[in-house]
N, C-alpha and C. Protein backbone atom coordinates (compact mmCIF):
# COMPACT_ATOMS: atom_id res chain seq x y z
N SER A 1 -6.73 4.84 -34.05
CA SER A 1 -7.08 4.49 -32.72
C SER A 1 -6.26 3.79 -32.00
N GLN A 2 -6.17 2.36 -32.53
CA GLN A 2 -4.92 1.19 -32.19
C GLN A 2 -3.71 1.92 -31.80
N GLU A 3 -3.38 3.24 -32.82
CA GLU A 3 -1.95 3.59 -32.24
C GLU A 3 -1.80 4.41 -31.01
N THR A 4 -3.15 5.02 -30.84
CA THR A 4 -3.42 6.07 -29.89
C THR A 4 -3.20 4.77 -28.50
N GLN A 5 -4.13 3.80 -28.61
CA GLN A 5 -4.25 2.95 -27.27
C GLN A 5 -2.92 2.52 -27.21
N GLN A 6 -1.84 2.00 -28.35
CA GLN A 6 -0.64 1.39 -28.21
C GLN A 6 0.09 2.37 -27.43
N GLU A 7 0.33 3.67 -28.13
CA GLU A 7 1.16 4.45 -26.95
C GLU A 7 0.53 5.05 -26.07
N THR A 8 -1.01 4.74 -25.34
CA THR A 8 -0.78 5.05 -24.05
C THR A 8 -0.45 3.89 -23.16
N VAL A 9 -0.59 2.56 -23.82
CA VAL A 9 -0.39 1.59 -23.22
C VAL A 9 0.98 1.80 -22.72
N LYS A 10 2.12 1.73 -23.72
CA LYS A 10 3.23 1.95 -23.14
C LYS A 10 3.44 2.97 -22.13
N ALA A 11 2.96 4.46 -22.59
CA ALA A 11 3.38 5.35 -21.31
C ALA A 11 2.60 4.79 -20.12
N PHE A 12 1.99 4.38 -20.14
CA PHE A 12 1.73 4.24 -18.72
C PHE A 12 1.71 2.50 -17.86
N SER A 13 2.23 2.02 -18.75
CA SER A 13 3.25 0.63 -18.36
C SER A 13 4.42 0.67 -17.53
N ASP A 14 4.58 1.58 -17.00
CA ASP A 14 6.11 1.60 -16.58
C ASP A 14 5.91 0.92 -15.29
N GLU A 15 6.63 -0.27 -15.51
CA GLU A 15 7.00 -0.85 -14.18
C GLU A 15 7.71 -1.00 -12.94
N ARG A 16 7.69 0.28 -12.80
CA ARG A 16 9.24 0.70 -11.50
C ARG A 16 8.64 0.51 -10.64
N ALA A 17 9.13 0.02 -9.25
CA ALA A 17 8.67 -0.12 -8.06
C ALA A 17 8.20 1.35 -7.61
N ILE A 18 7.17 1.09 -6.69
CA ILE A 18 6.92 2.26 -5.98
C ILE A 18 7.64 2.37 -5.12
N THR A 19 8.47 3.92 -4.76
CA THR A 19 9.46 4.15 -4.57
C THR A 19 8.98 5.50 -3.87
N ALA A 20 9.92 6.40 -2.75
CA ALA A 20 9.32 7.50 -2.06
C ALA A 20 10.32 8.72 -2.91
N ARG A 21 9.51 8.76 -4.16
CA ARG A 21 9.98 10.19 -4.94
C ARG A 21 9.22 11.26 -5.60
N LEU A 22 9.31 11.75 -6.15
CA LEU A 22 8.40 12.77 -6.97
C LEU A 22 7.72 12.48 -7.98
N ILE A 23 6.46 12.49 -8.19
CA ILE A 23 6.08 11.57 -9.12
C ILE A 23 5.48 13.09 -10.68
N ASP A 24 5.55 12.74 -11.51
CA ASP A 24 4.85 14.04 -12.30
C ASP A 24 3.25 13.51 -12.31
N VAL A 25 2.41 14.19 -11.49
CA VAL A 25 1.32 13.83 -11.28
C VAL A 25 0.09 14.22 -12.74
N LYS A 26 0.39 14.87 -13.41
CA LYS A 26 -0.09 15.51 -14.61
C LYS A 26 0.12 14.00 -15.41
N LYS A 27 1.13 13.67 -15.57
CA LYS A 27 1.47 12.28 -16.52
C LYS A 27 0.69 10.87 -16.22
N GLU A 28 0.85 10.97 -15.03
CA GLU A 28 0.91 9.47 -14.22
C GLU A 28 -0.34 9.13 -13.64
N ILE A 29 -0.85 10.63 -13.34
CA ILE A 29 -2.30 10.52 -12.25
C ILE A 29 -3.35 11.25 -13.01
N TYR A 30 -3.19 12.27 -13.09
CA TYR A 30 -4.53 13.25 -14.09
C TYR A 30 -4.64 13.01 -15.25
N ARG A 31 -3.98 12.85 -15.87
CA ARG A 31 -4.34 12.30 -17.43
C ARG A 31 -4.83 11.01 -17.65
N PHE A 32 -4.48 10.03 -17.09
CA PHE A 32 -4.54 8.55 -17.05
C PHE A 32 -6.24 8.34 -17.36
N PRO A 33 -7.05 8.88 -16.34
CA PRO A 33 -8.62 8.39 -16.83
C PRO A 33 -9.10 8.96 -17.70
N ALA A 34 -8.85 9.95 -18.23
CA ALA A 34 -9.41 10.48 -19.25
C ALA A 34 -8.69 10.08 -20.24
N VAL A 35 -7.34 9.59 -20.41
CA VAL A 35 -6.91 9.47 -22.03
C VAL A 35 -7.67 7.57 -21.89
N ALA A 36 -7.96 6.66 -20.34
CA ALA A 36 -8.47 5.39 -20.99
C ALA A 36 -9.32 5.40 -21.34
N VAL A 37 -10.43 6.71 -20.80
CA VAL A 37 -12.00 6.98 -21.33
C VAL A 37 -11.65 7.02 -22.72
N ASP A 38 -11.02 7.99 -23.35
CA ASP A 38 -11.09 8.06 -24.38
C ASP A 38 -10.65 7.02 -25.72
N CYS A 39 -9.49 6.01 -25.00
CA CYS A 39 -9.29 4.88 -25.64
C CYS A 39 -10.27 4.21 -25.80
N MET A 40 -11.15 3.57 -24.70
CA MET A 40 -12.07 3.08 -24.70
C MET A 40 -13.06 3.18 -25.85
N ALA A 41 -13.56 4.54 -25.79
CA ALA A 41 -14.41 5.53 -26.54
C ALA A 41 -14.24 5.40 -28.25
N LEU A 42 -13.14 5.54 -27.99
CA LEU A 42 -12.26 5.07 -30.00
C LEU A 42 -12.47 4.03 -30.49
N SER A 43 -12.38 2.58 -29.32
CA SER A 43 -12.43 1.69 -29.95
C SER A 43 -13.71 0.88 -29.68
N SER A 44 -15.14 1.84 -29.46
CA SER A 44 -16.25 1.46 -29.33
C SER A 44 -16.79 2.40 -30.73
N ARG A 45 -15.74 3.12 -31.08
CA ARG A 45 -16.58 4.11 -32.43
C ARG A 45 -17.44 4.98 -31.80
N VAL A 46 -17.28 5.55 -30.64
CA VAL A 46 -17.60 7.17 -29.90
C VAL A 46 -16.54 8.01 -30.06
N ILE A 47 -17.01 9.10 -30.31
CA ILE A 47 -16.05 10.33 -30.81
C ILE A 47 -15.73 10.88 -29.13
N PRO A 48 -14.84 10.98 -28.56
CA PRO A 48 -14.36 11.52 -27.23
C PRO A 48 -14.58 12.84 -27.19
N THR A 49 -15.34 13.71 -26.21
CA THR A 49 -15.27 15.35 -25.84
C THR A 49 -14.50 15.09 -24.35
N THR A 50 -15.72 15.75 -23.85
CA THR A 50 -15.37 15.83 -22.20
C THR A 50 -15.37 14.36 -21.75
N VAL A 51 -14.62 14.10 -20.76
CA VAL A 51 -14.52 13.06 -19.95
C VAL A 51 -16.04 12.28 -19.51
N TRP A 52 -16.74 13.17 -18.58
CA TRP A 52 -17.94 12.98 -18.37
C TRP A 52 -18.95 12.71 -19.59
N ARG A 53 -18.85 13.55 -20.42
CA ARG A 53 -19.68 13.38 -21.62
C ARG A 53 -19.96 11.90 -22.38
N THR A 54 -18.49 11.39 -22.62
CA THR A 54 -17.62 10.30 -23.09
C THR A 54 -18.82 9.25 -22.47
N ILE A 55 -18.57 9.58 -21.26
CA ILE A 55 -18.56 7.92 -20.40
C ILE A 55 -20.37 7.74 -20.65
N GLU A 56 -21.27 9.14 -20.44
CA GLU A 56 -22.47 9.35 -20.55
C GLU A 56 -22.77 8.40 -21.78
N GLU A 57 -21.98 8.99 -23.29
CA GLU A 57 -22.63 8.46 -24.21
C GLU A 57 -22.25 7.02 -24.54
N MET A 58 -21.23 6.87 -24.02
CA MET A 58 -21.04 5.03 -23.81
C MET A 58 -21.85 4.31 -23.55
N GLU A 59 -22.17 5.00 -22.17
CA GLU A 59 -23.02 4.07 -21.48
C GLU A 59 -24.76 4.15 -22.28
N SER A 60 -25.21 5.28 -22.60
CA SER A 60 -26.51 5.26 -23.30
C SER A 60 -26.43 4.83 -24.74
N LYS A 61 -25.22 4.36 -25.45
CA LYS A 61 -24.85 3.41 -26.21
C LYS A 61 -24.57 2.13 -26.08
N GLN A 62 -24.49 1.26 -24.80
CA GLN A 62 -24.41 0.44 -23.95
C GLN A 62 -23.10 -0.22 -24.58
N VAL A 63 -22.19 0.60 -24.38
CA VAL A 63 -20.73 0.09 -24.67
C VAL A 63 -20.12 -0.37 -23.41
N ILE A 64 -20.76 0.42 -22.12
CA ILE A 64 -20.85 0.31 -20.64
C ILE A 64 -21.61 0.21 -20.18
N SER A 65 -21.75 -0.82 -19.37
CA SER A 65 -23.06 -1.15 -18.17
C SER A 65 -22.88 0.35 -17.40
N PRO A 66 -24.59 0.78 -16.78
CA PRO A 66 -24.67 1.90 -15.73
C PRO A 66 -23.71 1.85 -14.46
N ASN A 67 -23.34 0.54 -14.52
CA ASN A 67 -22.78 0.29 -13.23
C ASN A 67 -21.18 0.87 -13.27
N ASN A 68 -20.72 0.67 -14.28
CA ASN A 68 -18.76 0.35 -14.81
C ASN A 68 -19.40 2.37 -15.11
N ALA A 69 -20.24 2.89 -15.93
CA ALA A 69 -20.48 4.32 -16.06
C ALA A 69 -19.85 4.97 -14.84
N HIS A 70 -20.83 4.45 -13.47
CA HIS A 70 -20.63 5.09 -12.14
C HIS A 70 -19.22 5.14 -11.98
N HIS A 71 -18.71 3.85 -11.71
CA HIS A 71 -17.46 3.87 -11.22
C HIS A 71 -16.72 4.89 -12.37
N LEU A 72 -16.43 4.89 -13.52
CA LEU A 72 -15.93 5.37 -14.47
C LEU A 72 -15.90 7.24 -14.03
N MET A 73 -17.22 7.62 -13.91
CA MET A 73 -17.43 8.87 -13.23
C MET A 73 -16.59 9.06 -11.94
N VAL A 74 -16.45 8.28 -10.73
CA VAL A 74 -15.98 8.32 -10.13
C VAL A 74 -14.57 8.53 -10.36
N LEU A 75 -14.35 7.64 -10.84
CA LEU A 75 -12.14 7.62 -11.14
C LEU A 75 -11.80 8.91 -11.96
N ALA A 76 -12.64 9.66 -12.41
CA ALA A 76 -12.54 10.94 -13.38
C ALA A 76 -12.93 12.01 -12.43
N SER A 77 -13.50 12.06 -11.44
CA SER A 77 -13.92 13.12 -10.02
C SER A 77 -12.73 13.07 -9.40
N ILE A 78 -12.68 11.92 -9.11
CA ILE A 78 -11.28 11.52 -7.96
C ILE A 78 -9.70 12.08 -8.47
N SER A 79 -9.61 12.27 -9.82
CA SER A 79 -8.61 12.54 -10.70
C SER A 79 -8.56 13.89 -10.82
N ALA A 80 -9.95 14.59 -11.14
CA ALA A 80 -10.13 16.10 -10.93
C ALA A 80 -9.77 16.52 -9.74
N GLU A 81 -10.21 16.10 -8.44
CA GLU A 81 -10.29 16.98 -7.26
C GLU A 81 -8.78 16.40 -7.07
N LEU A 82 -8.04 15.00 -7.02
CA LEU A 82 -6.77 15.55 -6.83
C LEU A 82 -5.90 16.35 -7.19
N ARG A 83 -6.15 16.83 -8.66
CA ARG A 83 -5.53 17.67 -9.39
C ARG A 83 -5.57 19.31 -8.73
N LEU A 84 -7.48 19.73 -8.24
CA LEU A 84 -7.43 20.69 -7.33
C LEU A 84 -7.03 20.96 -6.72
N ARG A 85 -6.71 19.70 -5.22
CA ARG A 85 -6.29 19.65 -4.22
C ARG A 85 -4.40 20.21 -4.40
N THR A 86 -4.03 19.59 -5.44
CA THR A 86 -2.73 19.48 -5.53
C THR A 86 -2.45 21.29 -6.09
N TYR A 87 -3.09 21.94 -6.73
CA TYR A 87 -3.02 23.31 -7.26
C TYR A 87 -3.01 23.89 -5.85
N ILE A 88 -4.31 23.70 -4.86
CA ILE A 88 -4.36 24.85 -3.98
C ILE A 88 -3.03 24.73 -2.70
N ALA A 89 -2.58 23.28 -2.98
CA ALA A 89 -1.66 22.71 -1.67
C ALA A 89 -0.34 23.54 -2.43
N ASN A 90 -0.04 23.75 -3.54
CA ASN A 90 1.23 24.35 -3.99
C ASN A 90 1.05 25.65 -4.57
N GLY A 91 -0.16 25.95 -4.14
CA GLY A 91 -0.09 27.68 -4.49
C GLY A 91 -0.23 27.45 -5.75
N GLY A 92 -0.49 26.94 -7.07
CA GLY A 92 -0.93 27.13 -7.96
C GLY A 92 -0.81 26.14 -9.08
N GLN A 93 -0.34 26.27 -10.43
CA GLN A 93 -0.50 24.89 -10.73
C GLN A 93 0.91 24.08 -11.39
N LYS A 94 1.43 23.96 -9.78
CA LYS A 94 2.56 23.27 -9.36
C LYS A 94 2.55 21.84 -10.07
N GLU A 95 2.68 20.79 -10.90
CA GLU A 95 2.52 19.40 -10.94
C GLU A 95 3.36 18.17 -10.38
N ASN A 96 4.36 18.41 -9.59
CA ASN A 96 5.05 17.73 -8.59
C ASN A 96 4.38 17.41 -7.21
N LEU A 97 4.41 16.09 -7.12
CA LEU A 97 3.69 15.59 -5.41
C LEU A 97 4.52 14.38 -5.20
N SER A 98 4.86 14.57 -3.85
CA SER A 98 5.33 13.68 -3.20
C SER A 98 4.78 12.32 -3.12
N ALA A 99 5.51 11.17 -3.22
CA ALA A 99 4.71 9.82 -2.61
C ALA A 99 4.73 9.84 -1.33
N MET A 100 5.99 10.65 -0.37
CA MET A 100 6.00 10.26 0.74
C MET A 100 5.04 11.20 1.61
N ALA A 101 4.34 10.54 2.60
CA ALA A 101 4.01 11.74 3.25
C ALA A 101 4.72 12.23 4.26
N PRO A 102 3.93 13.66 4.69
CA PRO A 102 4.81 14.75 5.60
C PRO A 102 5.42 14.14 6.78
N MET A 103 6.18 14.66 7.20
CA MET A 103 6.82 14.34 8.73
C MET A 103 7.52 15.49 9.42
N GLU A 104 6.87 15.32 10.76
CA GLU A 104 7.66 16.56 11.34
C GLU A 104 8.96 16.46 11.59
N THR A 105 9.83 17.81 11.09
CA THR A 105 10.90 17.29 11.87
C THR A 105 11.74 18.33 13.11
N GLN A 106 12.39 17.37 13.85
CA GLN A 106 12.71 18.33 15.01
C GLN A 106 13.84 18.93 14.97
N HIS A 107 14.11 20.20 15.10
CA HIS A 107 15.35 21.17 14.66
C HIS A 107 16.13 21.09 16.21
N GLY A 108 17.49 21.25 15.74
CA GLY A 108 18.27 20.94 17.12
C GLY A 108 19.02 19.49 17.71
N GLN A 109 18.38 18.71 17.06
CA GLN A 109 18.33 17.12 17.85
C GLN A 109 19.11 16.53 16.62
């Protein structure tokens, strides 16, 4: 459990500046909430299953408060929605997402 936590912290503690670049959203956004919940569960002797069931189990065992369980559920839901919206926008399971907002271009000027 501790080795997994150390690997996770190392993987997600990249201190690069925010720049206009393509990011690997699968690694950097989609997986983070589930990995964080799994690490919390393992450190509390809760066996992780799905992220939502794991959160419910941690709440029922009073590892986390109902309020924190709600916040984790929202985080996991936002991550899942972002993943689905990215797939829809990209026409499939492509994992790159631009950090820049789309800009209109004018041709011929």
